[in-house]
C-alpha atoms as a PDB file:
ATOM      1  CA  UNK A   1      13.784 -23.170  31.857  1.00  0.00           C
ATOM      2  CA  UNK A   2      10.776 -24.660  30.098  1.00  0.00           C
ATOM      3  CA  UNK A   3       8.540 -22.214  28.282  1.00  0.00           C
ATOM      4  CA  UNK A   4       5.178 -21.855  29.971  1.00  0.00           C
ATOM      5  CA  UNK A   5       2.240 -22.704  27.720  1.00  0.00           C
ATOM      6  CA  UNK A   6      -0.958 -20.849  28.458  1.00  0.00           C
ATOM      7  CA  UNK A   7      -4.160 -22.805  27.966  1.00  0.00           C
ATOM      8  CA  UNK A   8      -6.854 -20.926  26.070  1.00  0.00           C
ATOM      9  CA  UNK A   9     -10.086 -21.107  28.031  1.00  0.00           C
ATOM     10  CA  UNK A  10     -12.982 -22.971  26.425  1.00  0.00           C
ATOM     11  CA  UNK A  11     -16.698 -23.029  27.071  1.00  0.00           C
ATOM     12  CA  UNK A  12     -16.170 -26.276  28.927  1.00  0.00           C
ATOM     13  CA  UNK A  13     -13.842 -24.429  31.338  1.00  0.00           C
ATOM     14  CA  UNK A  14     -16.481 -21.757  31.855  1.00  0.00           C
ATOM     15  CA  UNK A  15     -19.196 -24.367  32.412  1.00  0.00           C
ATOM     16  CA  UNK A  16     -17.043 -26.170  35.004  1.00  0.00           C
ATOM     17  CA  UNK A  17     -16.276 -22.903  36.855  1.00  0.00           C
ATOM     18  CA  UNK A  18     -19.933 -21.842  36.821  1.00  0.00           C
ATOM     19  CA  UNK A  19     -21.333 -25.256  37.659  1.00  0.00           C
ATOM     20  CA  UNK A  20     -23.518 -25.348  34.534  1.00  0.00           C
ATOM     21  CA  UNK A  21     -23.629 -27.180  31.230  1.00  0.00           C
ATOM     22  CA  UNK A  22     -21.784 -26.017  28.095  1.00  0.00           C
ATOM     23  CA  UNK A  23     -25.186 -25.430  26.471  1.00  0.00           C
ATOM     24  CA  UNK A  24     -26.109 -22.905  29.178  1.00  0.00           C
ATOM     25  CA  UNK A  25     -22.811 -21.079  28.601  1.00  0.00           C
ATOM     26  CA  UNK A  26     -23.656 -20.923  24.874  1.00  0.00           C
ATOM     27  CA  UNK A  27     -27.088 -19.466  25.664  1.00  0.00           C
ATOM     28  CA  UNK A  28     -25.464 -16.713  27.719  1.00  0.00           C
ATOM     29  CA  UNK A  29     -22.738 -15.941  25.180  1.00  0.00           C
ATOM     30  CA  UNK A  30     -25.172 -15.874  22.241  1.00  0.00           C
ATOM     31  CA  UNK A  31     -28.022 -14.298  24.206  1.00  0.00           C
ATOM     32  CA  UNK A  32     -30.263 -17.244  23.354  1.00  0.00           C
ATOM     33  CA  UNK A  33     -31.951 -19.125  21.864  1.00  0.00           C
ATOM     34  CA  UNK A  34     -33.167 -20.332  25.298  1.00  0.00           C
ATOM     35  CA  UNK A  35     -33.600 -18.076  28.335  1.00  0.00           C
ATOM     36  CA  UNK A  36     -31.224 -18.375  31.298  1.00  0.00           C
ATOM     37  CA  UNK A  37     -32.189 -17.580  34.889  1.00  0.00           C
ATOM     38  CA  UNK A  38     -30.653 -14.265  36.107  1.00  0.00           C
ATOM     39  CA  UNK A  39     -28.677 -15.925  38.910  1.00  0.00           C
ATOM     40  CA  UNK A  40     -27.263 -18.539  36.542  1.00  0.00           C
ATOM     41  CA  UNK A  41     -26.408 -15.862  33.971  1.00  0.00           C
ATOM     42  CA  UNK A  42     -24.460 -13.955  36.623  1.00  0.00           C
ATOM     43  CA  UNK A  43     -22.493 -17.111  37.554  1.00  0.00           C
ATOM     44  CA  UNK A  44     -21.631 -17.713  33.900  1.00  0.00           C
ATOM     45  CA  UNK A  45     -20.549 -14.113  33.361  1.00  0.00           C
ATOM     46  CA  UNK A  46     -18.375 -14.252  36.479  1.00  0.00           C
ATOM     47  CA  UNK A  47     -16.832 -17.520  35.234  1.00  0.00           C
ATOM     48  CA  UNK A  48     -16.134 -15.969  31.809  1.00  0.00           C
ATOM     49  CA  UNK A  49     -14.277 -13.155  33.531  1.00  0.00           C
ATOM     50  CA  UNK A  50     -12.315 -15.397  35.890  1.00  0.00           C
ATOM     51  CA  UNK A  51     -11.261 -17.882  33.182  1.00  0.00           C
ATOM     52  CA  UNK A  52     -10.443 -15.218  30.597  1.00  0.00           C
ATOM     53  CA  UNK A  53     -12.690 -16.933  28.048  1.00  0.00           C
ATOM     54  CA  UNK A  54     -13.193 -15.095  24.755  1.00  0.00           C
ATOM     55  CA  UNK A  55     -15.945 -16.248  22.374  1.00  0.00           C
ATOM     56  CA  UNK A  56     -14.800 -17.495  18.963  1.00  0.00           C
ATOM     57  CA  UNK A  57     -16.043 -14.818  16.570  1.00  0.00           C
ATOM     58  CA  UNK A  58     -15.778 -17.132  13.560  1.00  0.00           C
ATOM     59  CA  UNK A  59     -17.950 -19.757  15.218  1.00  0.00           C
ATOM     60  CA  UNK A  60     -20.435 -17.128  16.289  1.00  0.00           C
ATOM     61  CA  UNK A  61     -20.576 -15.800  12.735  1.00  0.00           C
ATOM     62  CA  UNK A  62     -21.258 -19.273  11.361  1.00  0.00           C
ATOM     63  CA  UNK A  63     -24.008 -19.794  13.923  1.00  0.00           C
ATOM     64  CA  UNK A  64     -25.641 -16.400  13.508  1.00  0.00           C
ATOM     65  CA  UNK A  65     -25.051 -15.869   9.777  1.00  0.00           C
ATOM     66  CA  UNK A  66     -23.408 -12.487  10.326  1.00  0.00           C
ATOM     67  CA  UNK A  67     -19.826 -11.369  10.996  1.00  0.00           C
ATOM     68  CA  UNK A  68     -20.959  -7.944  12.260  1.00  0.00           C
ATOM     69  CA  UNK A  69     -18.195  -6.344  10.211  1.00  0.00           C
ATOM     70  CA  UNK A  70     -18.112  -3.790   7.424  1.00  0.00           C
ATOM     71  CA  UNK A  71     -15.323  -3.261   4.928  1.00  0.00           C
ATOM     72  CA  UNK A  72     -13.984   0.106   3.778  1.00  0.00           C
ATOM     73  CA  UNK A  73     -11.824   0.396   0.661  1.00  0.00           C
ATOM     74  CA  UNK A  74     -10.191   3.777  -0.008  1.00  0.00           C
ATOM     75  CA  UNK A  75      -7.554   5.000  -2.494  1.00  0.00           C
ATOM     76  CA  UNK A  76      -5.097   6.348   0.063  1.00  0.00           C
ATOM     77  CA  UNK A  77      -5.656   6.879   3.792  1.00  0.00           C
ATOM     78  CA  UNK A  78      -2.885   9.503   3.697  1.00  0.00           C
ATOM     79  CA  UNK A  79      -5.397  11.886   2.101  1.00  0.00           C
ATOM     80  CA  UNK A  80      -6.671  14.012   5.005  1.00  0.00           C
ATOM     81  CA  UNK A  81     -10.247  14.168   3.691  1.00  0.00           C
ATOM     82  CA  UNK A  82     -10.417  10.395   3.203  1.00  0.00           C
ATOM     83  CA  UNK A  83      -8.930   9.882   6.671  1.00  0.00           C
ATOM     84  CA  UNK A  84     -11.570  12.145   8.211  1.00  0.00           C
ATOM     85  CA  UNK A  85     -14.364  10.282   6.413  1.00  0.00           C
ATOM     86  CA  UNK A  86     -12.906   6.907   7.428  1.00  0.00           C
ATOM     87  CA  UNK A  87     -12.754   8.058  11.058  1.00  0.00           C
ATOM     88  CA  UNK A  88     -16.419   9.072  11.020  1.00  0.00           C
ATOM     89  CA  UNK A  89     -17.461   5.787   9.400  1.00  0.00           C
ATOM     90  CA  UNK A  90     -15.524   3.875  12.055  1.00  0.00           C
ATOM     91  CA  UNK A  91     -17.247   5.791  14.845  1.00  0.00           C
ATOM     92  CA  UNK A  92     -20.691   5.254  13.344  1.00  0.00           C
ATOM     93  CA  UNK A  93     -19.997   1.538  12.838  1.00  0.00           C
ATOM     94  CA  UNK A  94     -18.961   1.138  16.471  1.00  0.00           C
ATOM     95  CA  UNK A  95     -22.075   3.020  17.576  1.00  0.00           C
ATOM     96  CA  UNK A  96     -24.072   0.370  15.713  1.00  0.00           C
ATOM     97  CA  UNK A  97     -22.133  -2.527  17.295  1.00  0.00           C
ATOM     98  CA  UNK A  98     -20.227  -3.194  14.062  1.00  0.00           C
ATOM     99  CA  UNK A  99     -16.486  -3.438  13.343  1.00  0.00           C
ATOM    100  CA  UNK A 100     -14.917  -1.630  10.380  1.00  0.00           C
ATOM    101  CA  UNK A 101     -12.088  -3.314   8.445  1.00  0.00           C
ATOM    102  CA  UNK A 102      -9.983  -0.778   6.525  1.00  0.00           C
ATOM    103  CA  UNK A 103      -8.430  -1.492   3.134  1.00  0.00           C
ATOM    104  CA  UNK A 104      -5.944   1.122   1.868  1.00  0.00           C
ATOM    105  CA  UNK A 105      -5.265   0.638  -1.859  1.00  0.00           C
ATOM    106  CA  UNK A 106      -2.225   2.922  -1.880  1.00  0.00           C
ATOM    107  CA  UNK A 107      -3.444   4.440  -5.182  1.00  0.00           C
ATOM    108  CA  UNK A 108      -3.117   1.037  -6.892  1.00  0.00           C
ATOM    109  CA  UNK A 109      -6.026  -0.449  -8.851  1.00  0.00           C
ATOM    110  CA  UNK A 110      -4.483  -3.913  -8.557  1.00  0.00           C
ATOM    111  CA  UNK A 111      -4.324  -3.635  -4.770  1.00  0.00           C
ATOM    112  CA  UNK A 112      -7.824  -2.197  -4.711  1.00  0.00           C
ATOM    113  CA  UNK A 113      -9.200  -5.346  -6.388  1.00  0.00           C
ATOM    114  CA  UNK A 114      -7.198  -7.557  -4.012  1.00  0.00           C
ATOM    115  CA  UNK A 115      -8.668  -5.734  -1.015  1.00  0.00           C
ATOM    116  CA  UNK A 116     -12.210  -6.054  -2.306  1.00  0.00           C
ATOM    117  CA  UNK A 117     -11.837  -9.795  -2.884  1.00  0.00           C
ATOM    118  CA  UNK A 118     -10.189 -10.258   0.517  1.00  0.00           C
ATOM    119  CA  UNK A 119     -12.956  -8.422   2.362  1.00  0.00           C
ATOM    120  CA  UNK A 120     -15.650 -10.298   0.455  1.00  0.00           C
ATOM    121  CA  UNK A 121     -13.974 -13.608   1.361  1.00  0.00           C
ATOM    122  CA  UNK A 122     -14.224 -12.604   5.016  1.00  0.00           C
ATOM    123  CA  UNK A 123     -17.999 -12.391   4.647  1.00  0.00           C
ATOM    124  CA  UNK A 124     -18.309  -8.728   5.604  1.00  0.00           C
ATOM    125  CA  UNK A 125     -21.891  -7.579   6.036  1.00  0.00           C
ATOM    126  CA  UNK A 126     -21.331  -4.685   3.654  1.00  0.00           C
ATOM    127  CA  UNK A 127     -18.724  -2.546   1.956  1.00  0.00           C
ATOM    128  CA  UNK A 128     -18.036   1.196   1.690  1.00  0.00           C
ATOM    129  CA  UNK A 129     -15.961   2.073  -1.320  1.00  0.00           C
ATOM    130  CA  UNK A 130     -14.041   4.911  -2.999  1.00  0.00           C
ATOM    131  CA  UNK A 131     -12.236   3.745  -6.131  1.00  0.00           C
ATOM    132  CA  UNK A 132      -8.666   4.790  -6.921  1.00  0.00           C
ATOM    133  CA  UNK A 133      -9.588   6.302 -10.280  1.00  0.00           C
ATOM    134  CA  UNK A 134     -13.373   6.505  -9.860  1.00  0.00           C
ATOM    135  CA  UNK A 135     -13.861   3.525 -12.183  1.00  0.00           C
ATOM    136  CA  UNK A 136     -14.894   1.004  -9.506  1.00  0.00           C
ATOM    137  CA  UNK A 137     -15.134  -2.792  -9.693  1.00  0.00           C
ATOM    138  CA  UNK A 138     -18.925  -2.738  -9.589  1.00  0.00           C
ATOM    139  CA  UNK A 139     -19.289  -6.078 -11.361  1.00  0.00           C
ATOM    140  CA  UNK A 140     -17.236  -7.855  -8.685  1.00  0.00           C
ATOM    141  CA  UNK A 141     -19.360  -6.417  -5.886  1.00  0.00           C
ATOM    142  CA  UNK A 142     -22.689  -7.015  -7.583  1.00  0.00           C
ATOM    143  CA  UNK A 143     -21.841 -10.630  -8.395  1.00  0.00           C
ATOM    144  CA  UNK A 144     -20.990 -11.241  -4.720  1.00  0.00           C
ATOM    145  CA  UNK A 145     -24.434 -10.136  -3.545  1.00  0.00           C
ATOM    146  CA  UNK A 146     -22.812  -8.095  -0.765  1.00  0.00           C
ATOM    147  CA  UNK A 147     -24.457  -4.723  -0.057  1.00  0.00           C
ATOM    148  CA  UNK A 148     -22.191  -1.752  -0.777  1.00  0.00           C
ATOM    149  CA  UNK A 149     -22.246   2.052  -0.817  1.00  0.00           C
ATOM    150  CA  UNK A 150     -20.092   4.209  -3.078  1.00  0.00           C
ATOM    151  CA  UNK A 151     -18.745   7.265  -1.258  1.00  0.00           C
ATOM    152  CA  UNK A 152     -18.079   9.306  -4.374  1.00  0.00           C
ATOM    153  CA  UNK A 153     -19.602  10.094  -7.740  1.00  0.00           C
ATOM    154  CA  UNK A 154     -19.913   7.184 -10.166  1.00  0.00           C
ATOM    155  CA  UNK A 155     -21.560   6.766 -13.531  1.00  0.00           C
ATOM    156  CA  UNK A 156     -25.334   7.123 -12.838  1.00  0.00           C
ATOM    157  CA  UNK A 157     -26.088   4.282 -15.270  1.00  0.00           C
ATOM    158  CA  UNK A 158     -24.499   1.828 -12.818  1.00  0.00           C
ATOM    159  CA  UNK A 159     -27.554   2.087 -10.527  1.00  0.00           C
ATOM    160  CA  UNK A 160     -25.740   1.627  -7.200  1.00  0.00           C
ATOM    161  CA  UNK A 161     -25.981   3.115  -3.703  1.00  0.00           C
ATOM    162  CA  UNK A 162     -24.188   6.471  -3.641  1.00  0.00           C
ATOM    163  CA  UNK A 163     -23.375   9.085  -0.977  1.00  0.00           C
ATOM    164  CA  UNK A 164     -22.042  12.280  -2.509  1.00  0.00           C
ATOM    165  CA  UNK A 165     -21.738  16.053  -2.672  1.00  0.00           C
ATOM    166  CA  UNK A 166     -22.327  17.902  -5.967  1.00  0.00           C
ATOM    167  CA  UNK A 167     -18.646  18.564  -6.645  1.00  0.00           C
ATOM    168  CA  UNK A 168     -19.282  20.667  -9.754  1.00  0.00           C
ATOM    169  CA  UNK A 169     -21.561  23.024  -7.823  1.00  0.00           C
ATOM    170  CA  UNK A 170     -19.151  23.146  -4.886  1.00  0.00           C
ATOM    171  CA  UNK A 171     -16.210  23.956  -7.145  1.00  0.00           C
ATOM    172  CA  UNK A 172     -18.201  26.683  -8.869  1.00  0.00           C
ATOM    173  CA  UNK A 173     -19.125  28.243  -5.523  1.00  0.00           C
ATOM    174  CA  UNK A 174     -15.594  28.380  -4.110  1.00  0.00           C
ATOM    175  CA  UNK A 175     -14.165  29.653  -7.415  1.00  0.00           C
ATOM    176  CA  UNK A 176     -16.928  32.254  -7.588  1.00  0.00           C
ATOM    177  CA  UNK A 177     -15.960  33.423  -4.115  1.00  0.00           C
ATOM    178  CA  UNK A 178     -12.373  33.820  -5.315  1.00  0.00           C
ATOM    179  CA  UNK A 179     -13.539  35.771  -8.366  1.00  0.00           C
ATOM    180  CA  UNK A 180     -15.708  38.022  -6.203  1.00  0.00           C
ATOM    181  CA  UNK A 181     -12.465  39.673  -5.062  1.00  0.00           C
ATOM    182  CA  UNK A 182     -12.028  40.979  -8.594  1.00  0.00           C
ATOM    183  CA  UNK A 183      -9.330  38.622  -9.892  1.00  0.00           C
ATOM    184  CA  UNK A 184      -9.221  38.227 -13.685  1.00  0.00           C
ATOM    185  CA  UNK A 185      -6.295  35.834 -14.038  1.00  0.00           C
ATOM    186  CA  UNK A 186      -7.343  32.530 -12.476  1.00  0.00           C
ATOM    187  CA  UNK A 187      -5.773  29.066 -12.764  1.00  0.00           C
ATOM    188  CA  UNK A 188      -6.602  25.603 -11.460  1.00  0.00           C
ATOM    189  CA  UNK A 189      -4.751  22.607 -10.053  1.00  0.00           C
ATOM    190  CA  UNK A 190      -6.912  19.556 -10.733  1.00  0.00           C
ATOM    191  CA  UNK A 191      -6.547  15.792 -10.561  1.00  0.00           C
ATOM    192  CA  UNK A 192      -5.701  13.286 -13.304  1.00  0.00           C
ATOM    193  CA  UNK A 193      -7.879  14.013 -16.378  1.00  0.00           C
ATOM    194  CA  UNK A 194      -9.446  10.527 -16.545  1.00  0.00           C
ATOM    195  CA  UNK A 195     -10.987  10.799 -13.057  1.00  0.00           C
ATOM    196  CA  UNK A 196     -14.675  11.713 -12.848  1.00  0.00           C
ATOM    197  CA  UNK A 197     -14.195  14.052  -9.883  1.00  0.00           C
ATOM    198  CA  UNK A 198     -11.434  15.874 -11.784  1.00  0.00           C
ATOM    199  CA  UNK A 199     -13.915  16.493 -14.573  1.00  0.00           C
ATOM    200  CA  UNK A 200     -16.563  17.739 -12.118  1.00  0.00           C
ATOM    201  CA  UNK A 201     -14.189  20.159 -10.369  1.00  0.00           C
ATOM    202  CA  UNK A 202     -12.798  21.450 -13.653  1.00  0.00           C
ATOM    203  CA  UNK A 203     -16.322  22.050 -14.967  1.00  0.00           C
ATOM    204  CA  UNK A 204     -17.248  23.919 -11.768  1.00  0.00           C
ATOM    205  CA  UNK A 205     -14.183  26.157 -12.191  1.00  0.00           C
ATOM    206  CA  UNK A 206     -15.203  26.856 -15.790  1.00  0.00           C
ATOM    207  CA  UNK A 207     -18.790  27.599 -14.728  1.00  0.00           C
ATOM    208  CA  UNK A 208     -17.544  30.285 -12.325  1.00  0.00           C
ATOM    209  CA  UNK A 209     -15.236  31.830 -14.932  1.00  0.00           C
ATOM    210  CA  UNK A 210     -18.125  32.050 -17.393  1.00  0.00           C
ATOM    211  CA  UNK A 211     -20.393  33.544 -14.717  1.00  0.00           C
ATOM    212  CA  UNK A 212     -17.886  36.339 -14.033  1.00  0.00           C
ATOM    213  CA  UNK A 213     -16.862  36.822 -17.659  1.00  0.00           C
ATOM    214  CA  UNK A 214     -13.258  35.773 -16.970  1.00  0.00           C
ATOM    215  CA  UNK A 215     -11.241  34.267 -19.814  1.00  0.00           C
ATOM    216  CA  UNK A 216     -10.054  30.671 -19.437  1.00  0.00           C
ATOM    217  CA  UNK A 217      -6.326  30.254 -20.015  1.00  0.00           C
ATOM    218  CA  UNK A 218      -5.445  26.644 -20.985  1.00  0.00           C
ATOM    219  CA  UNK A 219      -1.823  27.158 -19.913  1.00  0.00           C
ATOM    220  CA  UNK A 220      -3.069  27.700 -16.357  1.00  0.00           C
ATOM    221  CA  UNK A 221      -4.786  24.307 -16.106  1.00  0.00           C
ATOM    222  CA  UNK A 222      -2.441  21.945 -14.256  1.00  0.00           C
ATOM    223  CA  UNK A 223      -3.302  18.257 -13.911  1.00  0.00           C
ATOM    224  CA  UNK A 224      -1.561  16.573 -11.001  1.00  0.00           C
ATOM    225  CA  UNK A 225      -2.138  14.039  -8.223  1.00  0.00           C
ATOM    226  CA  UNK A 226      -4.352  14.771  -5.212  1.00  0.00           C
ATOM    227  CA  UNK A 227      -1.341  14.967  -2.898  1.00  0.00           C
ATOM    228  CA  UNK A 228       0.912  17.575  -1.285  1.00  0.00           C
ATOM    229  CA  UNK A 229       3.666  16.565  -3.676  1.00  0.00           C
ATOM    230  CA  UNK A 230       1.233  16.907  -6.576  1.00  0.00           C
ATOM    231  CA  UNK A 231       0.458  20.485  -5.524  1.00  0.00           C
ATOM    232  CA  UNK A 232       4.145  21.213  -5.007  1.00  0.00           C
ATOM    233  CA  UNK A 233       5.134  19.905  -8.444  1.00  0.00           C
ATOM    234  CA  UNK A 234       2.267  21.696 -10.205  1.00  0.00           C
ATOM    235  CA  UNK A 235       3.299  24.970  -8.547  1.00  0.00           C
ATOM    236  CA  UNK A 236       6.875  24.470  -9.714  1.00  0.00           C
ATOM    237  CA  UNK A 237       5.631  23.992 -13.285  1.00  0.00           C
ATOM    238  CA  UNK A 238       3.464  27.065 -12.951  1.00  0.00           C
ATOM    239  CA  UNK A 239       6.417  29.155 -11.810  1.00  0.00           C
ATOM    240  CA  UNK A 240       8.427  28.043 -14.856  1.00  0.00           C
ATOM    241  CA  UNK A 241       5.783  29.371 -17.242  1.00  0.00           C
ATOM    242  CA  UNK A 242       6.085  32.699 -19.038  1.00  0.00           C
ATOM    243  CA  UNK A 243       3.077  33.996 -17.085  1.00  0.00           C
ATOM    244  CA  UNK A 244       1.333  32.958 -13.889  1.00  0.00           C
ATOM    245  CA  UNK A 245      -2.202  33.506 -12.596  1.00  0.00           C
ATOM    246  CA  UNK A 246      -3.055  35.997  -9.868  1.00  0.00           C
ATOM    247  CA  UNK A 247      -5.491  33.538  -8.235  1.00  0.00           C
ATOM    248  CA  UNK A 248      -5.786  29.766  -8.061  1.00  0.00           C
ATOM    249  CA  UNK A 249      -8.320  27.031  -7.321  1.00  0.00           C
ATOM    250  CA  UNK A 250      -6.624  23.879  -6.040  1.00  0.00           C
ATOM    251  CA  UNK A 251      -9.002  20.950  -6.169  1.00  0.00           C
ATOM    252  CA  UNK A 252      -8.098  19.477  -2.815  1.00  0.00           C
ATOM    253  CA  UNK A 253      -6.509  20.540   0.484  1.00  0.00           C
ATOM    254  CA  UNK A 254      -3.304  18.540   0.027  1.00  0.00           C
ATOM    255  CA  UNK A 255      -2.610  20.241  -3.306  1.00  0.00           C
ATOM    256  CA  UNK A 256      -3.108  23.636  -1.659  1.00  0.00           C
ATOM    257  CA  UNK A 257      -0.592  22.872   1.102  1.00  0.00           C
ATOM    258  CA  UNK A 258       2.001  21.607  -1.379  1.00  0.00           C
ATOM    259  CA  UNK A 259       1.424  24.605  -3.611  1.00  0.00           C
ATOM    260  CA  UNK A 260       1.961  27.110  -0.789  1.00  0.00           C
ATOM    261  CA  UNK A 261       5.211  25.377   0.126  1.00  0.00           C
ATOM    262  CA  UNK A 262       6.505  25.731  -3.445  1.00  0.00           C
ATOM    263  CA  UNK A 263       5.381  29.352  -3.652  1.00  0.00           C
ATOM    264  CA  UNK A 264       7.239  30.182  -0.446  1.00  0.00           C
ATOM    265  CA  UNK A 265      10.439  28.886  -2.024  1.00  0.00           C
ATOM    266  CA  UNK A 266       9.938  31.477  -4.753  1.00  0.00           C
ATOM    267  CA  UNK A 267       9.146  34.208  -2.201  1.00  0.00           C
ATOM    268  CA  UNK A 268       5.535  34.357  -3.416  1.00  0.00           C
ATOM    269  CA  UNK A 269       3.190  35.283  -0.549  1.00  0.00           C
ATOM    270  CA  UNK A 270      -0.351  33.951  -0.254  1.00  0.00           C
ATOM    271  CA  UNK A 271      -2.708  35.783  -0.620  1.00  0.00           C
ATOM    272  CA  UNK A 272      -0.743  39.030  -1.200  1.00  0.00           C
ATOM    273  CA  UNK A 273       0.773  37.927  -4.497  1.00  0.00           C
ATOM    274  CA  UNK A 274      -1.318  34.864  -5.318  1.00  0.00           C
ATOM    275  CA  UNK A 275      -4.737  34.203  -3.801  1.00  0.00           C
ATOM    276  CA  UNK A 276      -5.858  30.611  -3.355  1.00  0.00           C
ATOM    277  CA  UNK A 277      -8.928  28.521  -2.487  1.00  0.00           C
ATOM    278  CA  UNK A 278      -9.348  24.749  -2.338  1.00  0.00           C
ATOM    279  CA  UNK A 279     -11.804  21.864  -2.293  1.00  0.00           C
ATOM    280  CA  UNK A 280     -12.290  19.119   0.332  1.00  0.00           C
ATOM    281  CA  UNK A 281     -10.866  20.948   3.313  1.00  0.00           C
ATOM    282  CA  UNK A 282     -10.610  19.328   6.734  1.00  0.00           C
ATOM    283  CA  UNK A 283      -9.999  20.594  10.253  1.00  0.00           C
ATOM    284  CA  UNK A 284      -6.385  21.138   9.178  1.00  0.00           C
ATOM    285  CA  UNK A 285      -7.390  24.012   6.881  1.00  0.00           C
ATOM    286  CA  UNK A 286      -7.992  26.421   9.746  1.00  0.00           C
ATOM    287  CA  UNK A 287      -4.561  25.727  11.278  1.00  0.00           C
ATOM    288  CA  UNK A 288      -2.505  26.188   8.144  1.00  0.00           C
ATOM    289  CA  UNK A 289      -0.611  29.450   7.617  1.00  0.00           C
ATOM    290  CA  UNK A 290      -2.329  31.151   5.943  1.00  0.00           C
ATOM    291  CA  UNK A 291      -5.614  29.494   6.875  1.00  0.00           C
ATOM    292  CA  UNK A 292      -7.316  28.057   3.814  1.00  0.00           C
ATOM    293  CA  UNK A 293     -10.561  29.176   2.247  1.00  0.00           C
ATOM    294  CA  UNK A 294     -12.110  25.857   1.354  1.00  0.00           C
ATOM    295  CA  UNK A 295     -15.211  23.874   0.517  1.00  0.00           C
ATOM    296  CA  UNK A 296     -15.959  21.224   3.122  1.00  0.00           C
ATOM    297  CA  UNK A 297     -18.165  18.158   2.985  1.00  0.00           C
ATOM    298  CA  UNK A 298     -20.360  17.195   5.989  1.00  0.00           C
ATOM    299  CA  UNK A 299     -18.476  13.971   6.737  1.00  0.00           C
ATOM    300  CA  UNK A 300     -20.299  13.241  10.014  1.00  0.00           C
ATOM    301  CA  UNK A 301     -23.736  13.360   8.398  1.00  0.00           C
ATOM    302  CA  UNK A 302     -22.485  11.485   5.349  1.00  0.00           C
ATOM    303  CA  UNK A 303     -21.027   8.664   7.445  1.00  0.00           C
ATOM    304  CA  UNK A 304     -24.173   8.385   9.544  1.00  0.00           C
ATOM    305  CA  UNK A 305     -26.356   8.156   6.444  1.00  0.00           C
ATOM    306  CA  UNK A 306     -24.013   5.664   4.757  1.00  0.00           C
ATOM    307  CA  UNK A 307     -24.262   3.275   7.719  1.00  0.00           C
ATOM    308  CA  UNK A 308     -28.065   3.564   7.759  1.00  0.00           C
ATOM    309  CA  UNK A 309     -28.217   3.055   3.992  1.00  0.00           C
ATOM    310  CA  UNK A 310     -26.212  -0.160   4.207  1.00  0.00           C
ATOM    311  CA  UNK A 311     -28.183  -1.489   7.178  1.00  0.00           C
ATOM    312  CA  UNK A 312     -31.486  -0.836   5.381  1.00  0.00           C
ATOM    313  CA  UNK A 313     -30.395  -2.217   2.004  1.00  0.00           C
ATOM    314  CA  UNK A 314     -32.947  -4.524   0.351  1.00  0.00           C
ATOM    315  CA  UNK A 315     -31.536  -4.724  -3.150  1.00  0.00           C
ATOM    316  CA  UNK A 316     -32.611  -1.354  -4.511  1.00  0.00           C
ATOM    317  CA  UNK A 317     -30.199   1.473  -5.369  1.00  0.00           C
ATOM    318  CA  UNK A 318     -30.312   4.696  -3.354  1.00  0.00           C
ATOM    319  CA  UNK A 319     -28.764   8.145  -3.810  1.00  0.00           C
ATOM    320  CA  UNK A 320     -28.154  10.579  -0.947  1.00  0.00           C
ATOM    321  CA  UNK A 321     -26.704  13.970  -1.899  1.00  0.00           C
ATOM    322  CA  UNK A 322     -25.436  16.439   0.712  1.00  0.00           C
ATOM    323  CA  UNK A 323     -24.914  20.198   0.756  1.00  0.00           C
ATOM    324  CA  UNK A 324     -21.367  21.488   0.969  1.00  0.00           C
ATOM    325  CA  UNK A 325     -20.310  24.562   2.898  1.00  0.00           C
ATOM    326  CA  UNK A 326     -17.688  27.220   2.333  1.00  0.00           C
ATOM    327  CA  UNK A 327     -15.277  28.127   5.118  1.00  0.00           C
ATOM    328  CA  UNK A 328     -13.512  31.447   4.747  1.00  0.00           C
ATOM    329  CA  UNK A 329      -9.844  31.634   5.617  1.00  0.00           C
ATOM    330  CA  UNK A 330      -6.996  33.968   4.840  1.00  0.00           C
ATOM    331  CA  UNK A 331      -5.716  32.347   1.630  1.00  0.00           C
ATOM    332  CA  UNK A 332      -8.281  34.045  -0.621  1.00  0.00           C
ATOM    333  CA  UNK A 333      -7.658  37.516   0.805  1.00  0.00           C
ATOM    334  CA  UNK A 334     -10.769  37.693   2.979  1.00  0.00           C
ATOM    335  CA  UNK A 335     -10.528  39.882   6.055  1.00  0.00           C
ATOM    336  CA  UNK A 336     -13.237  37.888   7.855  1.00  0.00           C
ATOM    337  CA  UNK A 337     -11.100  34.790   8.314  1.00  0.00           C
ATOM    338  CA  UNK A 338     -13.266  33.251  11.047  1.00  0.00           C
ATOM    339  CA  UNK A 339     -16.584  33.394   9.215  1.00  0.00           C
ATOM    340  CA  UNK A 340     -18.316  30.304   7.955  1.00  0.00           C
ATOM    341  CA  UNK A 341     -20.902  30.474   5.166  1.00  0.00           C
ATOM    342  CA  UNK A 342     -23.337  27.632   4.524  1.00  0.00           C
ATOM    343  CA  UNK A 343     -24.353  27.261   0.902  1.00  0.00           C
END
């Protein structure tokens, strides 16, 4: 039996079905540049529906000078915080009649550069960007002339658009909350040492220790990846040490979850035997057992502002900094697990 070939409807097909010219169909599809009588517009719209015609987005982009798309490049969409931010950016883009193209670098700088070049070649109207190691390809973006917004801390001397939370202050606040329970032996799981956000979170931890007069123990500083496996492996190393801390700041939610898994294998209960807080919590934090005491970023407000910043871009650099908030869970030992404190 011969394979049936389906004909893709063209504007000429629509014009024939509506009894108009192709030019009139174009005016309806592109909403101009010439006005179309209401009755004629209705006939064209009905013909578009009956023929199954779909406008060629590439042709429309060439005609209008805009693709109505944004690009988003992230280190790893498997990170729950990054996924939550990407979701909010997608929703805000759609609300502004824009499409978001996602590029997941898979923690590879080489792939990150490939994604950036690919999105730029597709003539995106703008780019949102979190670099794998927080050393972004700013020169590539600036030479393209494409507007972009960094969604994390970068070197201030770069003079680029940035949306961020003060991660040092946030880390100090959540560590200070942990110390307010009276713990004197406090460790940290942080990211790779070369990453700027690792440095910020480590400094915030140190600020809190100094504030409470608690001694820093270098053997309780564990650098690892921002993943569940990273937290798991760091906890295993911690358990092999001659001593272990009584309390711990893990510098993201995934590390905290991996850490608790490893501790359970050693019959260490959280918070009874080791109290724990973390950074960059998501909705998942409240449903973990125990629920996590965590710093959260206002991803909805951040995404909304990022979209507005890109739409309003006229060549100048802008900085928008947001307040974090602390959500109390059970992992730190708090009895008021359902409270939420805004800082």
